[in-house]
Amino acid sequence: MHVLTFIVIGLMAGALAGRVVSGHGYGLLGDIVVGISGSLLAGWLFAACWGVVAGPGFFMSLFSAFIGAVVLLGVIRLVVPARA
């Protein structure tokens, strides 16, 4: 059940971040990958930079995954040139 929750949170965070950063999502699998990667990135960033860990619960997990996904997509947009 935890794996399913992790995937659902990743999908929601990736879809939200994709719409905020670029105005569109990246498809079902792309949104899941971006959201889960963002979740891992946020966990590391929060602990490394501020010494805090996101609290338990669905909404806090979604919020931290969203922040991490936005940061991840921002870095990707800086590194990968935009296509015409």
PDB file of N, CA and C in Angstrom:
ATOM      1  N   MET A   1       0.812  -1.192   0.000  1.00  0.00           N
ATOM      2  CA  MET A   1       0.000   0.000   0.000  1.00  0.00           C
ATOM      3  C   MET A   1       0.860   1.263   0.000  1.00  0.00           C
ATOM      4  N   HIS A   2       2.005   1.212   0.662  1.00  0.00           N
ATOM      5  CA  HIS A   2       2.878   2.383   0.700  1.00  0.00           C
ATOM      6  C   HIS A   2       3.449   2.702  -0.670  1.00  0.00           C
ATOM      7  N   VAL A   3       3.732   1.696  -1.457  1.00  0.00           N
ATOM      8  CA  VAL A   3       4.272   1.918  -2.802  1.00  0.00           C
ATOM      9  C   VAL A   3       3.229   2.610  -3.668  1.00  0.00           C
ATOM     10  N   LEU A   4       1.983   2.195  -3.548  1.00  0.00           N
ATOM     11  CA  LEU A   4       0.913   2.817  -4.308  1.00  0.00           C
ATOM     12  C   LEU A   4       0.737   4.284  -3.893  1.00  0.00           C
ATOM     13  N   THR A   5       0.817   4.565  -2.622  1.00  0.00           N
ATOM     14  CA  THR A   5       0.722   5.943  -2.133  1.00  0.00           C
ATOM     15  C   THR A   5       1.889   6.772  -2.654  1.00  0.00           C
ATOM     16  N   PHE A   6       3.081   6.200  -2.648  1.00  0.00           N
ATOM     17  CA  PHE A   6       4.271   6.874  -3.152  1.00  0.00           C
ATOM     18  C   PHE A   6       4.106   7.223  -4.630  1.00  0.00           C
ATOM     19  N   ILE A   7       3.561   6.306  -5.413  1.00  0.00           N
ATOM     20  CA  ILE A   7       3.351   6.544  -6.846  1.00  0.00           C
ATOM     21  C   ILE A   7       2.279   7.614  -7.060  1.00  0.00           C
ATOM     22  N   VAL A   8       1.201   7.568  -6.291  1.00  0.00           N
ATOM     23  CA  VAL A   8       0.132   8.560  -6.430  1.00  0.00           C
ATOM     24  C   VAL A   8       0.637   9.954  -6.067  1.00  0.00           C
ATOM     25  N   ILE A   9       1.402  10.067  -4.987  1.00  0.00           N
ATOM     26  CA  ILE A   9       1.967  11.360  -4.604  1.00  0.00           C
ATOM     27  C   ILE A   9       2.939  11.839  -5.678  1.00  0.00           C
ATOM     28  N   GLY A  10       3.749  10.943  -6.214  1.00  0.00           N
ATOM     29  CA  GLY A  10       4.667  11.313  -7.294  1.00  0.00           C
ATOM     30  C   GLY A  10       3.930  11.793  -8.525  1.00  0.00           C
ATOM     31  N   LEU A  11       2.850  11.127  -8.883  1.00  0.00           N
ATOM     32  CA  LEU A  11       2.053  11.534 -10.039  1.00  0.00           C
ATOM     33  C   LEU A  11       1.445  12.908  -9.826  1.00  0.00           C
ATOM     34  N   MET A  12       0.873  13.128  -8.672  1.00  0.00           N
ATOM     35  CA  MET A  12       0.245  14.420  -8.399  1.00  0.00           C
ATOM     36  C   MET A  12       1.268  15.549  -8.348  1.00  0.00           C
ATOM     37  N   ALA A  13       2.388  15.318  -7.685  1.00  0.00           N
ATOM     38  CA  ALA A  13       3.422  16.350  -7.580  1.00  0.00           C
ATOM     39  C   ALA A  13       4.044  16.636  -8.938  1.00  0.00           C
ATOM     40  N   GLY A  14       4.311  15.600  -9.722  1.00  0.00           N
ATOM     41  CA  GLY A  14       4.893  15.797 -11.049  1.00  0.00           C
ATOM     42  C   GLY A  14       3.953  16.528 -11.984  1.00  0.00           C
ATOM     43  N   ALA A  15       2.669  16.195 -11.944  1.00  0.00           N
ATOM     44  CA  ALA A  15       1.684  16.869 -12.792  1.00  0.00           C
ATOM     45  C   ALA A  15       1.555  18.343 -12.415  1.00  0.00           C
ATOM     46  N   LEU A  16       1.477  18.622 -11.111  1.00  0.00           N
ATOM     47  CA  LEU A  16       1.389  20.010 -10.662  1.00  0.00           C
ATOM     48  C   LEU A  16       2.640  20.803 -11.026  1.00  0.00           C
ATOM     49  N   ALA A  17       3.802  20.219 -10.793  1.00  0.00           N
ATOM     50  CA  ALA A  17       5.057  20.914 -11.100  1.00  0.00           C
ATOM     51  C   ALA A  17       5.208  21.140 -12.600  1.00  0.00           C
ATOM     52  N   GLY A  18       4.837  20.165 -13.401  1.00  0.00           N
ATOM     53  CA  GLY A  18       4.916  20.331 -14.854  1.00  0.00           C
ATOM     54  C   GLY A  18       4.038  21.466 -15.341  1.00  0.00           C
ATOM     55  N   ARG A  19       2.862  21.596 -14.760  1.00  0.00           N
ATOM     56  CA  ARG A  19       1.968  22.677 -15.162  1.00  0.00           C
ATOM     57  C   ARG A  19       2.459  24.034 -14.667  1.00  0.00           C
ATOM     58  N   VAL A  20       3.075  24.075 -13.505  1.00  0.00           N
ATOM     59  CA  VAL A  20       3.586  25.342 -12.981  1.00  0.00           C
ATOM     60  C   VAL A  20       4.814  25.795 -13.759  1.00  0.00           C
ATOM     61  N   VAL A  21       5.734  24.874 -14.033  1.00  0.00           N
ATOM     62  CA  VAL A  21       7.004  25.245 -14.661  1.00  0.00           C
ATOM     63  C   VAL A  21       6.860  25.465 -16.166  1.00  0.00           C
ATOM     64  N   SER A  22       6.178  24.555 -16.862  1.00  0.00           N
ATOM     65  CA  SER A  22       6.154  24.657 -18.325  1.00  0.00           C
ATOM     66  C   SER A  22       4.766  24.821 -18.915  1.00  0.00           C
ATOM     67  N   GLY A  23       3.733  24.762 -18.113  1.00  0.00           N
ATOM     68  CA  GLY A  23       2.388  24.949 -18.631  1.00  0.00           C
ATOM     69  C   GLY A  23       1.717  23.678 -19.110  1.00  0.00           C
ATOM     70  N   HIS A  24       2.410  22.559 -19.059  1.00  0.00           N
ATOM     71  CA  HIS A  24       1.825  21.277 -19.460  1.00  0.00           C
ATOM     72  C   HIS A  24       2.500  20.169 -18.682  1.00  0.00           C
ATOM     73  N   GLY A  25       1.865  19.033 -18.635  1.00  0.00           N
ATOM     74  CA  GLY A  25       2.450  17.877 -17.965  1.00  0.00           C
ATOM     75  C   GLY A  25       3.378  17.127 -18.904  1.00  0.00           C
ATOM     76  N   TYR A  26       3.902  16.022 -18.445  1.00  0.00           N
ATOM     77  CA  TYR A  26       4.837  15.223 -19.236  1.00  0.00           C
ATOM     78  C   TYR A  26       4.316  13.819 -19.479  1.00  0.00           C
ATOM     79  N   GLY A  27       3.016  13.639 -19.409  1.00  0.00           N
ATOM     80  CA  GLY A  27       2.437  12.316 -19.573  1.00  0.00           C
ATOM     81  C   GLY A  27       2.439  11.569 -18.253  1.00  0.00           C
ATOM     82  N   LEU A  28       1.720  10.474 -18.207  1.00  0.00           N
ATOM     83  CA  LEU A  28       1.552   9.736 -16.961  1.00  0.00           C
ATOM     84  C   LEU A  28       2.884   9.272 -16.394  1.00  0.00           C
ATOM     85  N   LEU A  29       3.669   8.567 -17.184  1.00  0.00           N
ATOM     86  CA  LEU A  29       4.950   8.038 -16.695  1.00  0.00           C
ATOM     87  C   LEU A  29       5.944   9.160 -16.397  1.00  0.00           C
ATOM     88  N   GLY A  30       5.987  10.172 -17.250  1.00  0.00           N
ATOM     89  CA  GLY A  30       6.895  11.295 -17.029  1.00  0.00           C
ATOM     90  C   GLY A  30       6.570  12.050 -15.754  1.00  0.00           C
ATOM     91  N   ASP A  31       5.276  12.273 -15.500  1.00  0.00           N
ATOM     92  CA  ASP A  31       4.875  12.958 -14.267  1.00  0.00           C
ATOM     93  C   ASP A  31       5.237  12.143 -13.032  1.00  0.00           C
ATOM     94  N   ILE A  32       5.067  10.827 -13.103  1.00  0.00           N
ATOM     95  CA  ILE A  32       5.427   9.972 -11.968  1.00  0.00           C
ATOM     96  C   ILE A  32       6.930  10.038 -11.707  1.00  0.00           C
ATOM     97  N   VAL A  33       7.723   9.957 -12.770  1.00  0.00           N
ATOM     98  CA  VAL A  33       9.187   9.997 -12.614  1.00  0.00           C
ATOM     99  C   VAL A  33       9.631  11.346 -12.055  1.00  0.00           C
ATOM    100  N   VAL A  34       9.079  12.429 -12.589  1.00  0.00           N
ATOM    101  CA  VAL A  34       9.442  13.768 -12.102  1.00  0.00           C
ATOM    102  C   VAL A  34       9.026  13.937 -10.643  1.00  0.00           C
ATOM    103  N   GLY A  35       7.834  13.476 -10.297  1.00  0.00           N
ATOM    104  CA  GLY A  35       7.355  13.619  -8.926  1.00  0.00           C
ATOM    105  C   GLY A  35       8.153  12.804  -7.925  1.00  0.00           C
ATOM    106  N   ILE A  36       8.456  11.557  -8.271  1.00  0.00           N
ATOM    107  CA  ILE A  36       9.235  10.717  -7.356  1.00  0.00           C
ATOM    108  C   ILE A  36      10.662  11.234  -7.239  1.00  0.00           C
ATOM    109  N   SER A  37      11.257  11.639  -8.351  1.00  0.00           N
ATOM    110  CA  SER A  37      12.603  12.213  -8.299  1.00  0.00           C
ATOM    111  C   SER A  37      12.604  13.507  -7.494  1.00  0.00           C
ATOM    112  N   GLY A  38      11.570  14.319  -7.675  1.00  0.00           N
ATOM    113  CA  GLY A  38      11.442  15.549  -6.903  1.00  0.00           C
ATOM    114  C   GLY A  38      11.265  15.286  -5.427  1.00  0.00           C
ATOM    115  N   SER A  39      10.553  14.224  -5.096  1.00  0.00           N
ATOM    116  CA  SER A  39      10.370  13.847  -3.700  1.00  0.00           C
ATOM    117  C   SER A  39      11.701  13.492  -3.052  1.00  0.00           C
ATOM    118  N   LEU A  40      12.488  12.711  -3.746  1.00  0.00           N
ATOM    119  CA  LEU A  40      13.810  12.343  -3.224  1.00  0.00           C
ATOM    120  C   LEU A  40      14.719  13.567  -3.114  1.00  0.00           C
ATOM    121  N   LEU A  41      14.671  14.434  -4.130  1.00  0.00           N
ATOM    122  CA  LEU A  41      15.477  15.654  -4.119  1.00  0.00           C
ATOM    123  C   LEU A  41      15.064  16.566  -2.969  1.00  0.00           C
ATOM    124  N   ALA A  42      13.757  16.709  -2.746  1.00  0.00           N
ATOM    125  CA  ALA A  42      13.279  17.574  -1.659  1.00  0.00           C
ATOM    126  C   ALA A  42      13.698  17.033  -0.302  1.00  0.00           C
ATOM    127  N   GLY A  43      13.621  15.728  -0.128  1.00  0.00           N
ATOM    128  CA  GLY A  43      14.059  15.139   1.140  1.00  0.00           C
ATOM    129  C   GLY A  43      15.522  15.439   1.417  1.00  0.00           C
ATOM    130  N   TRP A  44      16.335  15.356   0.386  1.00  0.00           N
ATOM    131  CA  TRP A  44      17.759  15.644   0.550  1.00  0.00           C
ATOM    132  C   TRP A  44      17.991  17.143   0.770  1.00  0.00           C
ATOM    133  N   LEU A  45      17.320  17.987  -0.033  1.00  0.00           N
ATOM    134  CA  LEU A  45      17.514  19.435   0.084  1.00  0.00           C
ATOM    135  C   LEU A  45      17.087  19.964   1.449  1.00  0.00           C
ATOM    136  N   PHE A  46      15.922  19.545   1.908  1.00  0.00           N
ATOM    137  CA  PHE A  46      15.440  20.031   3.196  1.00  0.00           C
ATOM    138  C   PHE A  46      16.391  19.635   4.320  1.00  0.00           C
ATOM    139  N   ALA A  47      16.896  18.418   4.271  1.00  0.00           N
ATOM    140  CA  ALA A  47      17.796  17.951   5.324  1.00  0.00           C
ATOM    141  C   ALA A  47      19.169  18.616   5.223  1.00  0.00           C
ATOM    142  N   ALA A  48      19.691  18.758   4.008  1.00  0.00           N
ATOM    143  CA  ALA A  48      21.037  19.299   3.817  1.00  0.00           C
ATOM    144  C   ALA A  48      21.096  20.810   4.050  1.00  0.00           C
ATOM    145  N   CYS A  49      20.107  21.544   3.563  1.00  0.00           N
ATOM    146  CA  CYS A  49      20.165  23.005   3.626  1.00  0.00           C
ATOM    147  C   CYS A  49      19.606  23.579   4.920  1.00  0.00           C
ATOM    148  N   TRP A  50      18.509  23.013   5.411  1.00  0.00           N
ATOM    149  CA  TRP A  50      17.854  23.596   6.569  1.00  0.00           C
ATOM    150  C   TRP A  50      17.829  22.682   7.773  1.00  0.00           C
ATOM    151  N   GLY A  51      18.256  21.465   7.623  1.00  0.00           N
ATOM    152  CA  GLY A  51      18.280  20.537   8.740  1.00  0.00           C
ATOM    153  C   GLY A  51      16.906  20.101   9.213  1.00  0.00           C
ATOM    154  N   VAL A  52      15.907  20.196   8.343  1.00  0.00           N
ATOM    155  CA  VAL A  52      14.552  19.780   8.706  1.00  0.00           C
ATOM    156  C   VAL A  52      14.124  18.600   7.842  1.00  0.00           C
ATOM    157  N   VAL A  53      13.179  17.866   8.359  1.00  0.00           N
ATOM    158  CA  VAL A  53      12.596  16.751   7.627  1.00  0.00           C
ATOM    159  C   VAL A  53      11.113  17.027   7.511  1.00  0.00           C
ATOM    160  N   ALA A  54      10.559  16.825   6.305  1.00  0.00           N
ATOM    161  CA  ALA A  54       9.127  17.058   6.111  1.00  0.00           C
ATOM    162  C   ALA A  54       8.341  16.156   7.050  1.00  0.00           C
ATOM    163  N   GLY A  55       7.316  16.702   7.624  1.00  0.00           N
ATOM    164  CA  GLY A  55       6.498  15.948   8.573  1.00  0.00           C
ATOM    165  C   GLY A  55       5.712  14.840   7.892  1.00  0.00           C
ATOM    166  N   PRO A  56       5.131  13.983   8.687  1.00  0.00           N
ATOM    167  CA  PRO A  56       4.360  12.883   8.118  1.00  0.00           C
ATOM    168  C   PRO A  56       3.027  13.378   7.576  1.00  0.00           C
ATOM    169  N   GLY A  57       2.428  12.574   6.756  1.00  0.00           N
ATOM    170  CA  GLY A  57       1.104  12.901   6.243  1.00  0.00           C
ATOM    171  C   GLY A  57       1.114  13.088   4.741  1.00  0.00           C
ATOM    172  N   PHE A  58      -0.063  12.915   4.188  1.00  0.00           N
ATOM    173  CA  PHE A  58      -0.220  12.971   2.736  1.00  0.00           C
ATOM    174  C   PHE A  58       0.088  14.364   2.192  1.00  0.00           C
ATOM    175  N   PHE A  59      -0.474  15.398   2.791  1.00  0.00           N
ATOM    176  CA  PHE A  59      -0.322  16.741   2.249  1.00  0.00           C
ATOM    177  C   PHE A  59       1.101  17.279   2.405  1.00  0.00           C
ATOM    178  N   MET A  60       1.759  16.958   3.498  1.00  0.00           N
ATOM    179  CA  MET A  60       3.144  17.396   3.669  1.00  0.00           C
ATOM    180  C   MET A  60       4.052  16.669   2.680  1.00  0.00           C
ATOM    181  N   SER A  61       3.786  15.393   2.445  1.00  0.00           N
ATOM    182  CA  SER A  61       4.559  14.642   1.458  1.00  0.00           C
ATOM    183  C   SER A  61       4.330  15.207   0.059  1.00  0.00           C
ATOM    184  N   LEU A  62       3.088  15.533  -0.247  1.00  0.00           N
ATOM    185  CA  LEU A  62       2.765  16.114  -1.556  1.00  0.00           C
ATOM    186  C   LEU A  62       3.439  17.466  -1.722  1.00  0.00           C
ATOM    187  N   PHE A  63       3.411  18.289  -0.677  1.00  0.00           N
ATOM    188  CA  PHE A  63       4.032  19.611  -0.744  1.00  0.00           C
ATOM    189  C   PHE A  63       5.536  19.510  -0.959  1.00  0.00           C
ATOM    190  N   SER A  64       6.205  18.659  -0.204  1.00  0.00           N
ATOM    191  CA  SER A  64       7.660  18.543  -0.352  1.00  0.00           C
ATOM    192  C   SER A  64       8.021  17.931  -1.703  1.00  0.00           C
ATOM    193  N   ALA A  65       7.243  16.972  -2.185  1.00  0.00           N
ATOM    194  CA  ALA A  65       7.504  16.392  -3.508  1.00  0.00           C
ATOM    195  C   ALA A  65       7.293  17.439  -4.591  1.00  0.00           C
ATOM    196  N   PHE A  66       6.286  18.286  -4.433  1.00  0.00           N
ATOM    197  CA  PHE A  66       6.027  19.354  -5.398  1.00  0.00           C
ATOM    198  C   PHE A  66       7.187  20.346  -5.445  1.00  0.00           C
ATOM    199  N   ILE A  67       7.671  20.764  -4.286  1.00  0.00           N
ATOM    200  CA  ILE A  67       8.803  21.694  -4.229  1.00  0.00           C
ATOM    201  C   ILE A  67      10.034  21.074  -4.892  1.00  0.00           C
ATOM    202  N   GLY A  68      10.314  19.819  -4.575  1.00  0.00           N
ATOM    203  CA  GLY A  68      11.455  19.140  -5.186  1.00  0.00           C
ATOM    204  C   GLY A  68      11.304  18.985  -6.689  1.00  0.00           C
ATOM    205  N   ALA A  69      10.091  18.698  -7.159  1.00  0.00           N
ATOM    206  CA  ALA A  69       9.860  18.548  -8.599  1.00  0.00           C
ATOM    207  C   ALA A  69      10.022  19.883  -9.319  1.00  0.00           C
ATOM    208  N   VAL A  70       9.573  20.976  -8.703  1.00  0.00           N
ATOM    209  CA  VAL A  70       9.750  22.297  -9.310  1.00  0.00           C
ATOM    210  C   VAL A  70      11.233  22.640  -9.411  1.00  0.00           C
ATOM    211  N   VAL A  71      11.987  22.364  -8.347  1.00  0.00           N
ATOM    212  CA  VAL A  71      13.436  22.607  -8.379  1.00  0.00           C
ATOM    213  C   VAL A  71      14.089  21.742  -9.452  1.00  0.00           C
ATOM    214  N   LEU A  72      13.710  20.474  -9.528  1.00  0.00           N
ATOM    215  CA  LEU A  72      14.268  19.565 -10.525  1.00  0.00           C
ATOM    216  C   LEU A  72      13.971  20.056 -11.944  1.00  0.00           C
ATOM    217  N   LEU A  73      12.737  20.432 -12.225  1.00  0.00           N
ATOM    218  CA  LEU A  73      12.387  20.918 -13.556  1.00  0.00           C
ATOM    219  C   LEU A  73      13.084  22.244 -13.873  1.00  0.00           C
ATOM    220  N   GLY A  74      13.266  23.090 -12.861  1.00  0.00           N
ATOM    221  CA  GLY A  74      14.007  24.337 -13.072  1.00  0.00           C
ATOM    222  C   GLY A  74      15.454  24.083 -13.453  1.00  0.00           C
ATOM    223  N   VAL A  75      16.092  23.133 -12.785  1.00  0.00           N
ATOM    224  CA  VAL A  75      17.474  22.784 -13.114  1.00  0.00           C
ATOM    225  C   VAL A  75      17.544  22.164 -14.513  1.00  0.00           C
ATOM    226  N   ILE A  76      16.594  21.311 -14.835  1.00  0.00           N
ATOM    227  CA  ILE A  76      16.575  20.695 -16.161  1.00  0.00           C
ATOM    228  C   ILE A  76      16.405  21.763 -17.242  1.00  0.00           C
ATOM    229  N   ARG A  77      15.553  22.743 -16.995  1.00  0.00           N
ATOM    230  CA  ARG A  77      15.361  23.815 -17.980  1.00  0.00           C
ATOM    231  C   ARG A  77      16.620  24.661 -18.147  1.00  0.00           C
ATOM    232  N   LEU A  78      17.424  24.790 -17.102  1.00  0.00           N
ATOM    233  CA  LEU A  78      18.682  25.529 -17.222  1.00  0.00           C
ATOM    234  C   LEU A  78      19.729  24.761 -18.002  1.00  0.00           C
ATOM    235  N   VAL A  79      19.748  23.443 -17.835  1.00  0.00           N
ATOM    236  CA  VAL A  79      20.772  22.605 -18.449  1.00  0.00           C
ATOM    237  C   VAL A  79      20.445  22.239 -19.892  1.00  0.00           C
ATOM    238  N   VAL A  80      19.197  21.859 -20.141  1.00  0.00           N
ATOM    239  CA  VAL A  80      18.785  21.408 -21.466  1.00  0.00           C
ATOM    240  C   VAL A  80      18.213  22.588 -22.226  1.00  0.00           C
ATOM    241  N   PRO A  81      18.736  22.890 -23.416  1.00  0.00           N
ATOM    242  CA  PRO A  81      18.218  24.020 -24.181  1.00  0.00           C
ATOM    243  C   PRO A  81      16.784  23.758 -24.636  1.00  0.00           C
ATOM    244  N   ALA A  82      16.015  24.823 -24.737  1.00  0.00           N
ATOM    245  CA  ALA A  82      14.617  24.706 -25.165  1.00  0.00           C
ATOM    246  C   ALA A  82      14.531  24.333 -26.642  1.00  0.00           C
ATOM    247  N   ARG A  83      13.559  23.489 -26.937  1.00  0.00           N
ATOM    248  CA  ARG A  83      13.330  23.111 -28.337  1.00  0.00           C
ATOM    249  C   ARG A  83      12.392  24.112 -28.988  1.00  0.00           C
ATOM    250  N   ALA A  84      12.580  24.329 -30.261  1.00  0.00           N
ATOM    251  CA  ALA A  84      11.746  25.298 -30.989  1.00  0.00           C
ATOM    252  C   ALA A  84      10.447  24.687 -31.424  1.00  0.00           C
TER     253      ALA A  84
END
